[in-house]
Amino acid sequence: MNKPAKYDRLHEQIKGYVHTTADVWARLATIEAVLHHKMPHFFWTGVYALVDGELIVRSYQGPVACQRLRDGGVCWSAVRGGETVIVGNVAEFPGHIACNPASRSEIVIPLRDRDGQIFGCLDVDSDRLDAFDEEDEAGLKKILSLLFD
């Protein structure tokens, strides 16, 4: 199955789960769990929340993560820039924060509330180089659209 079709299928599956609560953190935890277990190239799947000017891990699937991200790195680039950041090789990303040395590539998507304000980011790492592309971005954004549906 190609990636767009797989993301479409996961969107429908997740839609059935998240409508049991309006709580955004519960919805995100469910999204993380489904993605992490259904996408074989997802090594670490989690959410960092923007709290008092810091990025604090909220929930995740995978190995132990950095609890707080210092200034810099892929997550801060996405949050500050307000756009998705896809990194094919994290070793080549200036200021990359290595929470786990097995991470090789990464995609980070800023999370926005109903008013369009960024409140955190979805962070997905892979233990493979060049694991993410625009198809992943489109599929993940479609799934994240369920947060406030």
C-alpha atoms as a PDB file:
ATOM      1  CA  MET A   1       0.000   0.000   0.000  1.00  0.00           C
ATOM      2  CA  ASN A   2       1.356   3.443  -0.876  1.00  0.00           C
ATOM      3  CA  LYS A   3       1.859   6.058   1.838  1.00  0.00           C
ATOM      4  CA  PRO A   4      -1.047   8.372   0.926  1.00  0.00           C
ATOM      5  CA  ALA A   5      -3.479   5.441   0.958  1.00  0.00           C
ATOM      6  CA  LYS A   6      -2.095   4.210   4.274  1.00  0.00           C
ATOM      7  CA  TYR A   7      -2.448   7.677   5.826  1.00  0.00           C
ATOM      8  CA  ASP A   8      -6.020   7.901   4.499  1.00  0.00           C
ATOM      9  CA  ARG A   9      -6.825   4.565   6.115  1.00  0.00           C
ATOM     10  CA  LEU A  10      -5.216   5.653   9.400  1.00  0.00           C
ATOM     11  CA  HIS A  11      -7.149   8.934   9.269  1.00  0.00           C
ATOM     12  CA  GLU A  12     -10.415   7.015   9.170  1.00  0.00           C
ATOM     13  CA  GLN A  13      -9.311   4.690  11.973  1.00  0.00           C
ATOM     14  CA  ILE A  14      -8.138   7.560  14.192  1.00  0.00           C
ATOM     15  CA  LYS A  15     -11.298   9.554  13.477  1.00  0.00           C
ATOM     16  CA  GLY A  16     -13.286   6.769  15.117  1.00  0.00           C
ATOM     17  CA  TYR A  17     -11.111   6.869  18.226  1.00  0.00           C
ATOM     18  CA  VAL A  18     -10.708  10.583  18.859  1.00  0.00           C
ATOM     19  CA  HIS A  19     -14.382  11.496  18.753  1.00  0.00           C
ATOM     20  CA  THR A  20     -14.890   9.925  22.177  1.00  0.00           C
ATOM     21  CA  THR A  21     -13.371  13.031  23.841  1.00  0.00           C
ATOM     22  CA  ALA A  22     -12.790  16.687  23.025  1.00  0.00           C
ATOM     23  CA  ASP A  23      -9.584  16.716  25.091  1.00  0.00           C
ATOM     24  CA  VAL A  24      -6.748  17.644  22.726  1.00  0.00           C
ATOM     25  CA  TRP A  25      -4.066  15.848  24.791  1.00  0.00           C
ATOM     26  CA  ALA A  26      -6.036  12.601  24.827  1.00  0.00           C
ATOM     27  CA  ARG A  27      -6.563  12.908  21.084  1.00  0.00           C
ATOM     28  CA  LEU A  28      -2.845  13.516  20.524  1.00  0.00           C
ATOM     29  CA  ALA A  29      -1.889  10.520  22.679  1.00  0.00           C
ATOM     30  CA  THR A  30      -4.216   8.323  20.635  1.00  0.00           C
ATOM     31  CA  ILE A  31      -2.851   9.694  17.353  1.00  0.00           C
ATOM     32  CA  GLU A  32       0.711   9.006  18.538  1.00  0.00           C
ATOM     33  CA  ALA A  33      -0.108   5.432  19.577  1.00  0.00           C
ATOM     34  CA  VAL A  34      -1.822   4.530  16.317  1.00  0.00           C
ATOM     35  CA  LEU A  35       0.858   6.127  14.126  1.00  0.00           C
ATOM     36  CA  HIS A  36       3.713   4.628  16.082  1.00  0.00           C
ATOM     37  CA  HIS A  37       2.350   1.103  15.853  1.00  0.00           C
ATOM     38  CA  LYS A  38       1.077   1.265  12.274  1.00  0.00           C
ATOM     39  CA  MET A  39       3.952   3.072  10.535  1.00  0.00           C
ATOM     40  CA  PRO A  40       7.022   0.799  10.524  1.00  0.00           C
ATOM     41  CA  HIS A  41       9.463   3.648   9.874  1.00  0.00           C
ATOM     42  CA  PHE A  42       8.365   5.587  13.002  1.00  0.00           C
ATOM     43  CA  PHE A  43      11.029   5.001  15.681  1.00  0.00           C
ATOM     44  CA  TRP A  44       9.812   7.694  18.093  1.00  0.00           C
ATOM     45  CA  THR A  45       6.468   9.495  17.932  1.00  0.00           C
ATOM     46  CA  GLY A  46       5.571  12.255  20.344  1.00  0.00           C
ATOM     47  CA  VAL A  47       4.350  15.706  21.211  1.00  0.00           C
ATOM     48  CA  TYR A  48       6.195  18.610  22.751  1.00  0.00           C
ATOM     49  CA  ALA A  49       4.023  21.307  24.313  1.00  0.00           C
ATOM     50  CA  LEU A  50       5.025  24.957  24.384  1.00  0.00           C
ATOM     51  CA  VAL A  51       4.877  25.813  28.102  1.00  0.00           C
ATOM     52  CA  ASP A  52       6.162  29.150  29.411  1.00  0.00           C
ATOM     53  CA  GLY A  53       8.545  29.516  26.483  1.00  0.00           C
ATOM     54  CA  GLU A  54       9.915  25.968  26.715  1.00  0.00           C
ATOM     55  CA  LEU A  55       9.189  22.787  24.771  1.00  0.00           C
ATOM     56  CA  ILE A  56       8.209  20.094  27.277  1.00  0.00           C
ATOM     57  CA  VAL A  57       7.458  16.503  26.284  1.00  0.00           C
ATOM     58  CA  ARG A  58       3.777  15.796  26.796  1.00  0.00           C
ATOM     59  CA  SER A  59       3.345  12.222  25.594  1.00  0.00           C
ATOM     60  CA  TYR A  60       5.155   9.817  23.309  1.00  0.00           C
ATOM     61  CA  GLN A  61       5.643   6.294  22.011  1.00  0.00           C
ATOM     62  CA  GLY A  62       9.135   4.817  21.765  1.00  0.00           C
ATOM     63  CA  PRO A  63      12.336   5.035  23.784  1.00  0.00           C
ATOM     64  CA  VAL A  64      12.811   7.539  26.602  1.00  0.00           C
ATOM     65  CA  ALA A  65      12.880  11.114  25.295  1.00  0.00           C
ATOM     66  CA  CYS A  66      14.295  14.459  26.285  1.00  0.00           C
ATOM     67  CA  GLN A  67      11.831  15.930  28.760  1.00  0.00           C
ATOM     68  CA  ARG A  68      12.702  19.529  27.898  1.00  0.00           C
ATOM     69  CA  LEU A  69      14.223  20.768  24.659  1.00  0.00           C
ATOM     70  CA  ARG A  70      16.701  23.578  24.966  1.00  0.00           C
ATOM     71  CA  ASP A  71      16.753  26.309  22.383  1.00  0.00           C
ATOM     72  CA  GLY A  72      17.652  24.993  18.934  1.00  0.00           C
ATOM     73  CA  GLY A  73      17.077  21.742  17.128  1.00  0.00           C
ATOM     74  CA  VAL A  74      14.425  20.572  14.701  1.00  0.00           C
ATOM     75  CA  CYS A  75      11.426  21.070  17.020  1.00  0.00           C
ATOM     76  CA  TRP A  76      12.316  24.673  17.800  1.00  0.00           C
ATOM     77  CA  SER A  77      12.910  25.329  14.079  1.00  0.00           C
ATOM     78  CA  ALA A  78       9.395  24.119  13.280  1.00  0.00           C
ATOM     79  CA  VAL A  79       7.781  25.994  16.173  1.00  0.00           C
ATOM     80  CA  ARG A  80       9.611  29.256  15.495  1.00  0.00           C
ATOM     81  CA  GLY A  81       9.182  29.058  11.728  1.00  0.00           C
ATOM     82  CA  GLY A  82       5.565  27.917  11.927  1.00  0.00           C
ATOM     83  CA  GLU A  83       6.172  25.330   9.203  1.00  0.00           C
ATOM     84  CA  THR A  84       6.899  21.623   8.939  1.00  0.00           C
ATOM     85  CA  VAL A  85      10.578  20.704   9.028  1.00  0.00           C
ATOM     86  CA  ILE A  86      11.735  17.485   7.355  1.00  0.00           C
ATOM     87  CA  VAL A  87      15.323  16.398   8.001  1.00  0.00           C
ATOM     88  CA  GLY A  88      16.745  13.527   5.954  1.00  0.00           C
ATOM     89  CA  ASN A  89      19.858  13.158   8.105  1.00  0.00           C
ATOM     90  CA  VAL A  90      19.727  14.642  11.593  1.00  0.00           C
ATOM     91  CA  ALA A  91      23.526  14.474  11.879  1.00  0.00           C
ATOM     92  CA  GLU A  92      23.652  17.223   9.242  1.00  0.00           C
ATOM     93  CA  PHE A  93      21.100  19.495  10.952  1.00  0.00           C
ATOM     94  CA  PRO A  94      22.832  22.388  12.751  1.00  0.00           C
ATOM     95  CA  GLY A  95      22.047  22.302  16.465  1.00  0.00           C
ATOM     96  CA  HIS A  96      20.243  18.964  16.327  1.00  0.00           C
ATOM     97  CA  ILE A  97      19.292  17.758  19.809  1.00  0.00           C
ATOM     98  CA  ALA A  98      20.028  14.035  20.009  1.00  0.00           C
ATOM     99  CA  CYS A  99      17.603  12.576  22.543  1.00  0.00           C
ATOM    100  CA  ASN A 100      18.399   9.126  21.181  1.00  0.00           C
ATOM    101  CA  PRO A 101      21.479   8.355  19.059  1.00  0.00           C
ATOM    102  CA  ALA A 102      19.501   5.798  17.004  1.00  0.00           C
ATOM    103  CA  SER A 103      17.478   8.643  15.443  1.00  0.00           C
ATOM    104  CA  ARG A 104      18.567   9.237  11.856  1.00  0.00           C
ATOM    105  CA  SER A 105      15.815  11.361  10.268  1.00  0.00           C
ATOM    106  CA  GLU A 106      12.915  13.438  11.535  1.00  0.00           C
ATOM    107  CA  ILE A 107       9.727  15.291  10.687  1.00  0.00           C
ATOM    108  CA  VAL A 108       8.266  17.962  12.969  1.00  0.00           C
ATOM    109  CA  ILE A 109       4.894  19.620  12.438  1.00  0.00           C
ATOM    110  CA  PRO A 110       3.809  22.635  14.512  1.00  0.00           C
ATOM    111  CA  LEU A 111       0.514  22.164  16.345  1.00  0.00           C
ATOM    112  CA  ARG A 112      -1.975  25.023  16.155  1.00  0.00           C
ATOM    113  CA  ASP A 113      -5.037  25.684  18.286  1.00  0.00           C
ATOM    114  CA  ARG A 114      -8.404  26.786  16.904  1.00  0.00           C
ATOM    115  CA  ASP A 115      -7.138  30.379  16.705  1.00  0.00           C
ATOM    116  CA  GLY A 116      -4.050  29.402  14.720  1.00  0.00           C
ATOM    117  CA  GLN A 117      -1.631  29.864  17.623  1.00  0.00           C
ATOM    118  CA  ILE A 118       1.186  27.325  17.925  1.00  0.00           C
ATOM    119  CA  PHE A 119       0.945  25.345  21.173  1.00  0.00           C
ATOM    120  CA  GLY A 120       3.514  22.635  20.472  1.00  0.00           C
ATOM    121  CA  CYS A 121       4.675  20.203  17.833  1.00  0.00           C
ATOM    122  CA  LEU A 122       4.316  16.630  16.642  1.00  0.00           C
ATOM    123  CA  ASP A 123       7.793  15.122  16.436  1.00  0.00           C
ATOM    124  CA  VAL A 124       8.439  11.852  14.604  1.00  0.00           C
ATOM    125  CA  ASP A 125      11.885  10.266  14.356  1.00  0.00           C
ATOM    126  CA  SER A 126      13.052   7.328  12.293  1.00  0.00           C
ATOM    127  CA  ASP A 127      16.063   5.089  12.684  1.00  0.00           C
ATOM    128  CA  ARG A 128      16.380   5.231   8.875  1.00  0.00           C
ATOM    129  CA  LEU A 129      17.883   8.031   6.779  1.00  0.00           C
ATOM    130  CA  ASP A 130      15.492   9.998   4.544  1.00  0.00           C
ATOM    131  CA  ALA A 131      12.432   8.274   6.015  1.00  0.00           C
ATOM    132  CA  PHE A 132      10.076  11.250   5.605  1.00  0.00           C
ATOM    133  CA  ASP A 133       8.845  13.309   2.684  1.00  0.00           C
ATOM    134  CA  GLU A 134       5.959  15.509   1.571  1.00  0.00           C
ATOM    135  CA  GLU A 135       3.603  12.502   1.535  1.00  0.00           C
ATOM    136  CA  ASP A 136       4.248  12.026   5.254  1.00  0.00           C
ATOM    137  CA  GLU A 137       3.688  15.731   5.857  1.00  0.00           C
ATOM    138  CA  ALA A 138       0.367  15.717   3.990  1.00  0.00           C
ATOM    139  CA  GLY A 139      -0.819  12.531   5.700  1.00  0.00           C
ATOM    140  CA  LEU A 140       0.160  13.698   9.174  1.00  0.00           C
ATOM    141  CA  LYS A 141      -1.437  17.113   8.679  1.00  0.00           C
ATOM    142  CA  LYS A 142      -4.672  15.458   7.578  1.00  0.00           C
ATOM    143  CA  ILE A 143      -4.636  13.307  10.715  1.00  0.00           C
ATOM    144  CA  LEU A 144      -3.813  16.316  12.915  1.00  0.00           C
ATOM    145  CA  SER A 145      -6.842  18.110  11.462  1.00  0.00           C
ATOM    146  CA  LEU A 146      -8.854  15.753  13.695  1.00  0.00           C
ATOM    147  CA  LEU A 147      -7.606  17.516  16.844  1.00  0.00           C
ATOM    148  CA  PHE A 148     -10.416  20.078  16.849  1.00  0.00           C
ATOM    149  CA  ASP A 149     -12.918  18.319  14.615  1.00  0.00           C
END
